PDB file of all heavy atoms in Angstrom:
ATOM      1  N   SER A   1       6.864  12.083 -35.186  1.00  0.00           N
ATOM      2  CA  SER A   1       8.130  12.671 -35.165  1.00  0.00           C
ATOM      3  C   SER A   1       9.339  11.835 -34.783  1.00  0.00           C
ATOM      4  O   SER A   1      10.361  12.473 -34.820  1.00  0.00           O
ATOM      5  CB  SER A   1       7.957  13.988 -34.274  1.00  0.00           C
ATOM      6  OG  SER A   1       7.794  13.492 -32.956  1.00  0.00           O
ATOM      7  N   GLY A   2       9.181  10.694 -34.433  1.00  0.00           N
ATOM      8  CA  GLY A   2      10.263   9.782 -34.178  1.00  0.00           C
ATOM      9  C   GLY A   2      10.614   9.707 -32.672  1.00  0.00           C
ATOM     10  O   GLY A   2      11.479   8.944 -32.369  1.00  0.00           O
ATOM     11  N   GLY A   3       9.831  10.316 -31.666  1.00  0.00           N
ATOM     12  CA  GLY A   3      10.117  10.325 -30.415  1.00  0.00           C
ATOM     13  C   GLY A   3       9.606   9.043 -29.570  1.00  0.00           C
ATOM     14  O   GLY A   3      10.142   8.827 -28.479  1.00  0.00           O
ATOM     15  N   LEU A   4       8.682   8.321 -30.101  1.00  0.00           N
ATOM     16  CA  LEU A   4       8.134   7.153 -29.438  1.00  0.00           C
ATOM     17  C   LEU A   4       7.890   5.971 -30.343  1.00  0.00           C
ATOM     18  O   LEU A   4       7.600   6.207 -31.583  1.00  0.00           O
ATOM     19  CB  LEU A   4       6.683   7.423 -28.862  1.00  0.00           C
ATOM     20  CG  LEU A   4       6.692   8.359 -27.648  1.00  0.00           C
ATOM     21  CD1 LEU A   4       5.083   8.728 -27.307  1.00  0.00           C
ATOM     22  CD2 LEU A   4       7.318   7.628 -26.437  1.00  0.00           C
ATOM     23  N   GLU A   5       8.182   4.866 -29.929  1.00  0.00           N
ATOM     24  CA  GLU A   5       7.817   3.492 -30.633  1.00  0.00           C
ATOM     25  C   GLU A   5       6.304   3.417 -30.602  1.00  0.00           C
ATOM     26  O   GLU A   5       5.664   3.826 -29.639  1.00  0.00           O
ATOM     27  CB  GLU A   5       8.472   2.439 -30.126  1.00  0.00           C
ATOM     28  CG  GLU A   5      10.048   2.575 -30.212  1.00  0.00           C
ATOM     29  CD  GLU A   5      10.550   2.357 -31.766  1.00  0.00           C
ATOM     30  OE1 GLU A   5       9.665   1.766 -32.502  1.00  0.00           O
ATOM     31  OE2 GLU A   5      11.740   2.630 -31.934  1.00  0.00           O
ATOM     32  N   PRO A   6       5.628   2.593 -31.635  1.00  0.00           N
ATOM     33  CA  PRO A   6       4.325   2.367 -31.452  1.00  0.00           C
ATOM     34  C   PRO A   6       3.862   1.587 -30.320  1.00  0.00           C
ATOM     35  O   PRO A   6       2.784   1.823 -29.647  1.00  0.00           O
ATOM     36  CB  PRO A   6       4.010   1.591 -32.743  1.00  0.00           C
ATOM     37  CG  PRO A   6       4.974   1.951 -33.792  1.00  0.00           C
ATOM     38  CD  PRO A   6       6.245   2.337 -32.927  1.00  0.00           C
ATOM     39  N   SER A   7       4.763   0.648 -29.802  1.00  0.00           N
ATOM     40  CA  SER A   7       4.468  -0.113 -28.613  1.00  0.00           C
ATOM     41  C   SER A   7       4.464   0.782 -27.379  1.00  0.00           C
ATOM     42  O   SER A   7       3.697   0.470 -26.569  1.00  0.00           O
ATOM     43  CB  SER A   7       5.501  -1.222 -28.456  1.00  0.00           C
ATOM     44  OG  SER A   7       6.842  -0.724 -28.425  1.00  0.00           O
ATOM     45  N   SER A   8       5.320   1.883 -27.475  1.00  0.00           N
ATOM     46  CA  SER A   8       5.272   2.776 -26.265  1.00  0.00           C
ATOM     47  C   SER A   8       3.934   3.508 -26.014  1.00  0.00           C
ATOM     48  O   SER A   8       3.546   3.887 -25.002  1.00  0.00           O
ATOM     49  CB  SER A   8       6.582   3.742 -26.391  1.00  0.00           C
ATOM     50  OG  SER A   8       7.628   3.003 -26.343  1.00  0.00           O
ATOM     51  N   VAL A   9       3.396   3.868 -27.206  1.00  0.00           N
ATOM     52  CA  VAL A   9       2.142   4.547 -27.219  1.00  0.00           C
ATOM     53  C   VAL A   9       1.008   3.742 -26.394  1.00  0.00           C
ATOM     54  O   VAL A   9       0.357   4.244 -25.548  1.00  0.00           O
ATOM     55  CB  VAL A   9       1.567   4.773 -28.633  1.00  0.00           C
ATOM     56  CG1 VAL A   9       0.225   5.469 -28.459  1.00  0.00           C
ATOM     57  CG2 VAL A   9       2.488   5.853 -29.306  1.00  0.00           C
ATOM     58  N   LYS A  10       0.982   2.427 -26.685  1.00  0.00           N
ATOM     59  CA  LYS A  10       0.056   1.553 -26.018  1.00  0.00           C
ATOM     60  C   LYS A  10       0.431   1.484 -24.531  1.00  0.00           C
ATOM     61  O   LYS A  10      -0.545   1.538 -23.734  1.00  0.00           O
ATOM     62  CB  LYS A  10       0.040   0.205 -26.612  1.00  0.00           C
ATOM     63  CG  LYS A  10      -0.565   0.018 -28.113  1.00  0.00           C
ATOM     64  CD  LYS A  10      -0.449  -1.253 -28.577  1.00  0.00           C
ATOM     65  CE  LYS A  10      -1.042  -1.310 -29.962  1.00  0.00           C
ATOM     66  NZ  LYS A  10      -1.025  -2.764 -30.610  1.00  0.00           N
ATOM     67  N   LYS A  11       1.728   1.354 -24.133  1.00  0.00           N
ATOM     68  CA  LYS A  11       2.111   1.204 -22.749  1.00  0.00           C
ATOM     69  C   LYS A  11       1.748   2.587 -22.065  1.00  0.00           C
ATOM     70  O   LYS A  11       1.351   2.421 -20.879  1.00  0.00           O
ATOM     71  CB  LYS A  11       3.544   0.927 -22.771  1.00  0.00           C
ATOM     72  CG  LYS A  11       4.028  -0.453 -23.225  1.00  0.00           C
ATOM     73  CD  LYS A  11       5.481  -0.605 -23.197  1.00  0.00           C
ATOM     74  CE  LYS A  11       5.941  -2.084 -23.704  1.00  0.00           C
ATOM     75  NZ  LYS A  11       7.419  -2.161 -23.696  1.00  0.00           N
ATOM     76  N   LEU A  12       1.960   3.576 -22.608  1.00  0.00           N
ATOM     77  CA  LEU A  12       1.744   4.982 -21.962  1.00  0.00           C
ATOM     78  C   LEU A  12       0.230   5.049 -21.677  1.00  0.00           C
ATOM     79  O   LEU A  12      -0.106   5.609 -20.666  1.00  0.00           O
ATOM     80  CB  LEU A  12       2.317   6.125 -22.741  1.00  0.00           C
ATOM     81  CG  LEU A  12       3.922   6.236 -22.674  1.00  0.00           C
ATOM     82  CD1 LEU A  12       4.377   7.048 -23.826  1.00  0.00           C
ATOM     83  CD2 LEU A  12       4.278   6.643 -21.315  1.00  0.00           C
ATOM     84  N   LEU A  13      -0.527   4.752 -22.713  1.00  0.00           N
ATOM     85  CA  LEU A  13      -2.057   4.869 -22.556  1.00  0.00           C
ATOM     86  C   LEU A  13      -2.542   3.918 -21.409  1.00  0.00           C
ATOM     87  O   LEU A  13      -3.403   4.242 -20.655  1.00  0.00           O
ATOM     88  CB  LEU A  13      -2.749   4.566 -23.824  1.00  0.00           C
ATOM     89  CG  LEU A  13      -2.730   5.629 -24.857  1.00  0.00           C
ATOM     90  CD1 LEU A  13      -3.283   5.325 -26.211  1.00  0.00           C
ATOM     91  CD2 LEU A  13      -3.393   6.923 -24.380  1.00  0.00           C
ATOM     92  N   ARG A  14      -1.814   2.758 -21.399  1.00  0.00           N
ATOM     93  CA  ARG A  14      -2.212   1.850 -20.347  1.00  0.00           C
ATOM     94  C   ARG A  14      -1.972   2.317 -18.962  1.00  0.00           C
ATOM     95  O   ARG A  14      -2.691   2.282 -18.036  1.00  0.00           O
ATOM     96  CB  ARG A  14      -1.428   0.511 -20.484  1.00  0.00           C
ATOM     97  CG  ARG A  14      -2.071  -0.663 -19.630  1.00  0.00           C
ATOM     98  CD  ARG A  14      -1.328  -2.049 -19.885  1.00  0.00           C
ATOM     99  NE  ARG A  14      -1.315  -2.284 -21.333  1.00  0.00           N
ATOM    100  CZ  ARG A  14      -0.279  -2.528 -22.013  1.00  0.00           C
ATOM    101  NH1 ARG A  14       0.952  -2.415 -21.514  1.00  0.00           N
ATOM    102  NH2 ARG A  14      -0.433  -2.707 -23.343  1.00  0.00           N
ATOM    103  N   ARG A  15      -0.804   3.041 -18.795  1.00  0.00           N
ATOM    104  CA  ARG A  15      -0.371   3.721 -17.539  1.00  0.00           C
ATOM    105  C   ARG A  15      -1.282   4.817 -17.239  1.00  0.00           C
ATOM    106  O   ARG A  15      -1.654   5.018 -16.059  1.00  0.00           O
ATOM    107  CB  ARG A  15       1.044   4.218 -17.679  1.00  0.00           C
ATOM    108  CG  ARG A  15       2.079   3.081 -17.593  1.00  0.00           C
ATOM    109  CD  ARG A  15       2.273   2.502 -16.232  1.00  0.00           C
ATOM    110  NE  ARG A  15       2.870   3.391 -15.313  1.00  0.00           N
ATOM    111  CZ  ARG A  15       2.809   3.286 -14.025  1.00  0.00           C
ATOM    112  NH1 ARG A  15       2.296   2.138 -13.474  1.00  0.00           N
ATOM    113  NH2 ARG A  15       3.382   3.958 -13.133  1.00  0.00           N
ATOM    114  N   LEU A  16      -1.758   5.461 -18.187  1.00  0.00           N
ATOM    115  CA  LEU A  16      -2.703   6.597 -17.983  1.00  0.00           C
ATOM    116  C   LEU A  16      -4.084   6.041 -17.461  1.00  0.00           C
ATOM    117  O   LEU A  16      -4.609   6.643 -16.574  1.00  0.00           O
ATOM    118  CB  LEU A  16      -3.081   7.359 -19.376  1.00  0.00           C
ATOM    119  CG  LEU A  16      -3.954   8.484 -19.366  1.00  0.00           C
ATOM    120  CD1 LEU A  16      -3.484   9.703 -18.618  1.00  0.00           C
ATOM    121  CD2 LEU A  16      -4.480   8.695 -20.770  1.00  0.00           C
ATOM    122  N   ASP A  17      -4.540   4.913 -17.964  1.00  0.00           N
ATOM    123  CA  ASP A  17      -5.711   4.397 -17.475  1.00  0.00           C
ATOM    124  C   ASP A  17      -5.592   3.864 -16.156  1.00  0.00           C
ATOM    125  O   ASP A  17      -6.474   3.888 -15.197  1.00  0.00           O
ATOM    126  CB  ASP A  17      -6.076   3.198 -18.461  1.00  0.00           C
ATOM    127  CG  ASP A  17      -6.643   3.708 -19.781  1.00  0.00           C
ATOM    128  OD1 ASP A  17      -7.038   4.832 -19.863  1.00  0.00           O
ATOM    129  OD2 ASP A  17      -6.621   2.910 -20.737  1.00  0.00           O
ATOM    130  N   ILE A  18      -4.436   3.207 -15.889  1.00  0.00           N
ATOM    131  CA  ILE A  18      -4.150   2.610 -14.424  1.00  0.00           C
ATOM    132  C   ILE A  18      -4.163   3.787 -13.506  1.00  0.00           C
ATOM    133  O   ILE A  18      -4.778   3.624 -12.362  1.00  0.00           O
ATOM    134  CB  ILE A  18      -2.824   1.779 -14.403  1.00  0.00           C
ATOM    135  CG1 ILE A  18      -3.068   0.621 -15.278  1.00  0.00           C
ATOM    136  CG2 ILE A  18      -2.471   1.451 -13.055  1.00  0.00           C
ATOM    137  CD1 ILE A  18      -1.715  -0.181 -15.419  1.00  0.00           C
ATOM    138  N   GLY A  19      -3.507   4.940 -13.849  1.00  0.00           N
ATOM    139  CA  GLY A  19      -3.391   6.048 -12.978  1.00  0.00           C
ATOM    140  C   GLY A  19      -4.775   6.627 -12.719  1.00  0.00           C
ATOM    141  O   GLY A  19      -5.121   6.941 -11.534  1.00  0.00           O
ATOM    142  N   TYR A  20      -5.702   6.661 -13.730  1.00  0.00           N
ATOM    143  CA  TYR A  20      -6.939   7.268 -13.600  1.00  0.00           C
ATOM    144  C   TYR A  20      -7.782   6.361 -12.627  1.00  0.00           C
ATOM    145  O   TYR A  20      -8.484   6.928 -11.702  1.00  0.00           O
ATOM    146  CB  TYR A  20      -7.654   7.231 -14.922  1.00  0.00           C
ATOM    147  CG  TYR A  20      -9.088   7.748 -14.832  1.00  0.00           C
ATOM    148  CD1 TYR A  20      -9.359   9.171 -14.801  1.00  0.00           C
ATOM    149  CD2 TYR A  20     -10.191   7.040 -14.947  1.00  0.00           C
ATOM    150  CE1 TYR A  20     -10.524   9.694 -14.692  1.00  0.00           C
ATOM    151  CE2 TYR A  20     -11.360   7.511 -14.895  1.00  0.00           C
ATOM    152  CZ  TYR A  20     -11.614   8.862 -14.890  1.00  0.00           C
ATOM    153  OH  TYR A  20     -12.895   9.291 -14.767  1.00  0.00           O
ATOM    154  N   GLN A  21      -7.743   5.054 -12.767  1.00  0.00           N
ATOM    155  CA  GLN A  21      -8.472   4.310 -11.778  1.00  0.00           C
ATOM    156  C   GLN A  21      -7.940   4.376 -10.374  1.00  0.00           C
ATOM    157  O   GLN A  21      -8.701   4.425  -9.404  1.00  0.00           O
ATOM    158  CB  GLN A  21      -8.297   2.737 -12.180  1.00  0.00           C
ATOM    159  CG  GLN A  21      -9.039   2.399 -13.570  1.00  0.00           C
ATOM    160  CD  GLN A  21     -10.489   2.704 -13.483  1.00  0.00           C
ATOM    161  OE1 GLN A  21     -11.202   2.405 -12.469  1.00  0.00           O
ATOM    162  NE2 GLN A  21     -11.049   3.371 -14.490  1.00  0.00           N
ATOM    163  N   GLU A  22      -6.594   4.499 -10.143  1.00  0.00           N
ATOM    164  CA  GLU A  22      -6.182   4.658  -8.799  1.00  0.00           C
ATOM    165  C   GLU A  22      -6.598   6.039  -8.358  1.00  0.00           C
ATOM    166  O   GLU A  22      -6.887   6.081  -7.105  1.00  0.00           O
ATOM    167  CB  GLU A  22      -4.548   4.678  -8.830  1.00  0.00           C
ATOM    168  CG  GLU A  22      -3.912   4.628  -7.500  1.00  0.00           C
ATOM    169  CD  GLU A  22      -3.629   5.931  -6.897  1.00  0.00           C
ATOM    170  OE1 GLU A  22      -3.451   6.912  -7.600  1.00  0.00           O
ATOM    171  OE2 GLU A  22      -3.803   6.153  -5.604  1.00  0.00           O
ATOM    172  N   GLY A  23      -6.647   7.126  -9.159  1.00  0.00           N
ATOM    173  CA  GLY A  23      -7.037   8.388  -8.708  1.00  0.00           C
ATOM    174  C   GLY A  23      -8.478   8.412  -8.196  1.00  0.00           C
ATOM    175  O   GLY A  23      -8.863   9.223  -7.370  1.00  0.00           O
ATOM    176  N   LEU A  24      -9.293   7.499  -8.761  1.00  0.00           N
ATOM    177  CA  LEU A  24     -10.735   7.526  -8.379  1.00  0.00           C
ATOM    178  C   LEU A  24     -10.873   6.942  -6.901  1.00  0.00           C
ATOM    179  O   LEU A  24     -11.895   7.285  -6.327  1.00  0.00           O
ATOM    180  CB  LEU A  24     -11.532   6.526  -9.304  1.00  0.00           C
ATOM    181  CG  LEU A  24     -11.650   6.976 -10.724  1.00  0.00           C
ATOM    182  CD1 LEU A  24     -12.405   6.026 -11.560  1.00  0.00           C
ATOM    183  CD2 LEU A  24     -12.459   8.380 -10.838  1.00  0.00           C
ATOM    184  N   GLU A  25      -9.825   6.334  -6.483  1.00  0.00           N
ATOM    185  CA  GLU A  25      -9.757   5.811  -5.115  1.00  0.00           C
ATOM    186  C   GLU A  25      -8.805   6.476  -4.197  1.00  0.00           C
ATOM    187  O   GLU A  25      -8.892   6.100  -2.984  1.00  0.00           O
ATOM    188  CB  GLU A  25      -9.469   4.183  -5.041  1.00  0.00           C
ATOM    189  CG  GLU A  25     -10.306   3.351  -6.050  1.00  0.00           C
ATOM    190  CD  GLU A  25     -11.738   3.313  -5.663  1.00  0.00           C
ATOM    191  OE1 GLU A  25     -11.913   3.433  -4.382  1.00  0.00           O
ATOM    192  OE2 GLU A  25     -12.648   3.186  -6.508  1.00  0.00           O
ATOM    193  N   ARG A  26      -8.022   7.443  -4.657  1.00  0.00           N
ATOM    194  CA  ARG A  26      -7.013   8.000  -3.835  1.00  0.00           C
ATOM    195  C   ARG A  26      -7.619   8.842  -2.670  1.00  0.00           C
ATOM    196  O   ARG A  26      -8.665   9.529  -2.864  1.00  0.00           O
ATOM    197  CB  ARG A  26      -6.140   8.912  -4.704  1.00  0.00           C
ATOM    198  CG  ARG A  26      -5.055   9.575  -3.957  1.00  0.00           C
ATOM    199  CD  ARG A  26      -4.126  10.398  -5.027  1.00  0.00           C
ATOM    200  NE  ARG A  26      -3.317   9.448  -5.871  1.00  0.00           N
ATOM    201  CZ  ARG A  26      -2.468   9.873  -6.836  1.00  0.00           C
ATOM    202  NH1 ARG A  26      -2.400  11.214  -6.957  1.00  0.00           N
ATOM    203  NH2 ARG A  26      -1.832   9.083  -7.529  1.00  0.00           N
ATOM    204  N   ALA A  27      -7.016   8.710  -1.589  1.00  0.00           N
ATOM    205  CA  ALA A  27      -7.489   9.456  -0.389  1.00  0.00           C
ATOM    206  C   ALA A  27      -7.280  10.936  -0.457  1.00  0.00           C
ATOM    207  O   ALA A  27      -6.285  11.283  -1.158  1.00  0.00           O
ATOM    208  CB  ALA A  27      -6.699   8.933   0.853  1.00  0.00           C
ATOM    209  N   MET A  28      -8.255  11.645  -0.121  1.00  0.00           N
ATOM    210  CA  MET A  28      -8.207  13.129  -0.256  1.00  0.00           C
ATOM    211  C   MET A  28      -8.418  13.792   1.054  1.00  0.00           C
ATOM    212  O   MET A  28      -9.574  13.809   1.473  1.00  0.00           O
ATOM    213  CB  MET A  28      -9.258  13.642  -1.298  1.00  0.00           C
ATOM    214  CG  MET A  28      -8.889  13.292  -2.737  1.00  0.00           C
ATOM    215  SD  MET A  28      -9.855  14.094  -3.981  1.00  0.00           S
ATOM    216  CE  MET A  28     -11.479  13.710  -3.542  1.00  0.00           C
ATOM    217  N   GLN A  29      -7.332  14.067   1.687  1.00  0.00           N
ATOM    218  CA  GLN A  29      -7.357  14.690   3.066  1.00  0.00           C
ATOM    219  C   GLN A  29      -6.558  15.899   3.066  1.00  0.00           C
ATOM    220  O   GLN A  29      -5.364  15.987   3.081  1.00  0.00           O
ATOM    221  CB  GLN A  29      -6.930  13.711   4.059  1.00  0.00           C
ATOM    222  CG  GLN A  29      -7.559  12.321   4.295  1.00  0.00           C
ATOM    223  CD  GLN A  29      -7.045  11.389   5.198  1.00  0.00           C
ATOM    224  OE1 GLN A  29      -5.773  11.573   5.510  1.00  0.00           O
ATOM    225  NE2 GLN A  29      -7.969  10.471   5.680  1.00  0.00           N
ATOM    226  N   PRO A  30      -7.191  17.089   2.896  1.00  0.00           N
ATOM    227  CA  PRO A  30      -6.439  18.345   2.743  1.00  0.00           C
ATOM    228  C   PRO A  30      -5.638  18.612   3.983  1.00  0.00           C
ATOM    229  O   PRO A  30      -5.912  18.189   5.157  1.00  0.00           O
ATOM    230  CB  PRO A  30      -7.638  19.398   2.684  1.00  0.00           C
ATOM    231  CG  PRO A  30      -8.767  18.671   2.217  1.00  0.00           C
ATOM    232  CD  PRO A  30      -8.582  17.266   2.738  1.00  0.00           C
ATOM    233  N   THR A  31      -4.454  19.148   3.801  1.00  0.00           N
ATOM    234  CA  THR A  31      -3.400  19.360   4.793  1.00  0.00           C
ATOM    235  C   THR A  31      -3.842  20.703   5.646  1.00  0.00           C
ATOM    236  O   THR A  31      -3.999  21.786   4.819  1.00  0.00           O
ATOM    237  CB  THR A  31      -2.042  19.644   4.145  1.00  0.00           C
ATOM    238  OG1 THR A  31      -1.717  18.417   3.616  1.00  0.00           O
ATOM    239  CG2 THR A  31      -1.077  19.929   5.253  1.00  0.00           C
ATOM    240  N   LYS A  32      -3.956  20.629   6.774  1.00  0.00           N
ATOM    241  CA  LYS A  32      -4.167  21.874   7.681  1.00  0.00           C
ATOM    242  C   LYS A  32      -2.919  22.570   7.908  1.00  0.00           C
ATOM    243  O   LYS A  32      -2.091  22.067   8.583  1.00  0.00           O
ATOM    244  CB  LYS A  32      -4.904  21.441   8.885  1.00  0.00           C
ATOM    245  CG  LYS A  32      -6.402  20.994   8.751  1.00  0.00           C
ATOM    246  CD  LYS A  32      -7.165  22.209   8.174  1.00  0.00           C
ATOM    247  CE  LYS A  32      -8.723  21.750   7.885  1.00  0.00           C
ATOM    248  NZ  LYS A  32      -9.459  22.858   7.318  1.00  0.00           N
ATOM    249  N   LEU A  33      -2.607  23.666   7.213  1.00  0.00           N
ATOM    250  CA  LEU A  33      -1.343  24.455   7.390  1.00  0.00           C
ATOM    251  C   LEU A  33      -1.483  25.294   8.607  1.00  0.00           C
ATOM    252  O   LEU A  33      -2.530  25.984   8.980  1.00  0.00           O
ATOM    253  CB  LEU A  33      -1.142  25.205   6.208  1.00  0.00           C
ATOM    254  CG  LEU A  33      -1.054  24.378   4.815  1.00  0.00           C
ATOM    255  CD1 LEU A  33      -0.850  25.339   3.631  1.00  0.00           C
ATOM    256  CD2 LEU A  33       0.134  23.499   4.939  1.00  0.00           C
ATOM    257  N   ALA A  34      -0.300  25.346   9.402  1.00  0.00           N
ATOM    258  CA  ALA A  34      -0.262  26.245  10.457  1.00  0.00           C
ATOM    259  C   ALA A  34      -0.388  27.685  10.072  1.00  0.00           C
ATOM    260  O   ALA A  34       0.056  28.293   8.965  1.00  0.00           O
ATOM    261  CB  ALA A  34       1.159  26.131  11.220  1.00  0.00           C
ATOM    262  N   GLN A  35      -1.140  28.581  10.856  1.00  0.00           N
ATOM    263  CA  GLN A  35      -1.239  29.911  10.596  1.00  0.00           C
ATOM    264  C   GLN A  35      -0.012  30.722  10.639  1.00  0.00           C
ATOM    265  O   GLN A  35       0.113  31.619   9.731  1.00  0.00           O
ATOM    266  CB  GLN A  35      -2.343  30.524  11.555  1.00  0.00           C
ATOM    267  CG  GLN A  35      -2.596  31.939  11.215  1.00  0.00           C
ATOM    268  CD  GLN A  35      -3.758  32.465  12.184  1.00  0.00           C
ATOM    269  OE1 GLN A  35      -4.220  31.817  13.070  1.00  0.00           O
ATOM    270  NE2 GLN A  35      -4.030  33.758  12.010  1.00  0.00           N
ATOM    271  N   HIS A  36       0.864  30.314  11.595  1.00  0.00           N
ATOM    272  CA  HIS A  36       2.012  31.098  11.693  1.00  0.00           C
ATOM    273  C   HIS A  36       3.329  30.254  11.111  1.00  0.00           C
ATOM    274  O   HIS A  36       3.307  29.056  11.281  1.00  0.00           O
ATOM    275  CB  HIS A  36       2.381  31.434  13.069  1.00  0.00           C
ATOM    276  CG  HIS A  36       1.309  32.318  13.687  1.00  0.00           C
ATOM    277  ND1 HIS A  36       1.160  33.593  13.351  1.00  0.00           N
ATOM    278  CD2 HIS A  36       0.320  32.006  14.670  1.00  0.00           C
ATOM    279  CE1 HIS A  36       0.031  34.103  14.065  1.00  0.00           C
ATOM    280  NE2 HIS A  36      -0.375  33.037  14.842  1.00  0.00           N
ATOM    281  N   PRO A  37       4.208  30.871  10.457  1.00  0.00           N
ATOM    282  CA  PRO A  37       5.443  30.152   9.812  1.00  0.00           C
ATOM    283  C   PRO A  37       6.185  29.500  10.895  1.00  0.00           C
ATOM    284  O   PRO A  37       6.197  30.094  12.059  1.00  0.00           O
ATOM    285  CB  PRO A  37       6.110  31.271   9.137  1.00  0.00           C
ATOM    286  CG  PRO A  37       5.745  32.491   9.701  1.00  0.00           C
ATOM    287  CD  PRO A  37       4.294  32.240  10.099  1.00  0.00           C
ATOM    288  N   SER A  38       6.847  28.475  10.488  1.00  0.00           N
ATOM    289  CA  SER A  38       7.675  27.669  11.560  1.00  0.00           C
ATOM    290  C   SER A  38       9.081  28.382  11.847  1.00  0.00           C
ATOM    291  O   SER A  38       9.730  28.011  12.811  1.00  0.00           O
ATOM    292  CB  SER A  38       7.924  26.170  11.090  1.00  0.00           C
ATOM    293  OG  SER A  38       8.613  26.296   9.782  1.00  0.00           O
ATOM    294  N   GLU A  39       9.389  29.316  10.950  1.00  0.00           N
ATOM    295  CA  GLU A  39      10.611  30.129  11.210  1.00  0.00           C
ATOM    296  C   GLU A  39      10.453  31.479  10.780  1.00  0.00           C
ATOM    297  O   GLU A  39       9.657  31.816  10.019  1.00  0.00           O
ATOM    298  CB  GLU A  39      11.710  29.558  10.200  1.00  0.00           C
ATOM    299  CG  GLU A  39      12.159  28.050  10.483  1.00  0.00           C
ATOM    300  CD  GLU A  39      13.268  27.662   9.570  1.00  0.00           C
ATOM    301  OE1 GLU A  39      13.920  28.387   8.922  1.00  0.00           O
ATOM    302  OE2 GLU A  39      13.589  26.408   9.477  1.00  0.00           O
ATOM    303  N   PRO A  40      11.234  32.474  11.476  1.00  0.00           N
ATOM    304  CA  PRO A  40      11.021  33.814  11.142  1.00  0.00           C
ATOM    305  C   PRO A  40      11.471  34.174   9.726  1.00  0.00           C
ATOM    306  O   PRO A  40      12.185  33.324   9.189  1.00  0.00           O
ATOM    307  CB  PRO A  40      11.922  34.591  12.204  1.00  0.00           C
ATOM    308  CG  PRO A  40      12.874  33.462  12.716  1.00  0.00           C
ATOM    309  CD  PRO A  40      12.115  32.232  12.513  1.00  0.00           C
TER     310      PRO A  40
END
């Protein structure tokens, strides 16, 4: 449709793959939220 250059498709897929690999190693530590709100 004219929104991307062919070279951009390759670059974006490369970024997708890099992100996927980083996500496999990303720390996952759930945030413990306070039971009561910090403000009324």
